[in-house]
């Protein structure tokens, strides 16, 4: 879980998550899940935040049953597909979830 302070300190990223999930036509539950995943594992390095944001959105799309391709999420979030591929499973594990094995 994350603190209210974490949310306030990362408000620009929360807004970016909302923008990207809107572009991908994900619902409010997916947006909320992506936000929770992101804020639960916000990296300290500013340059890593976009990657974690994109991985959070991709993972949330799977969790919510609104699966998006890694390429579509990467394009909408402004990262490389490989960035998502390398991070999303670890992000789920860190959140206490077991990623699919496919």
Foldseek 3Di string as FASTA:
>chain_A
DADPVLCVVCVVLLVLLVQLCVVVVHDPQLSVQLVVLLSLDPDPDPVCSLLSSLLSSQLSCVVVVNHDQLCSSCVSSVHDSVSNVVPNQVSQVSVVHHDDPD
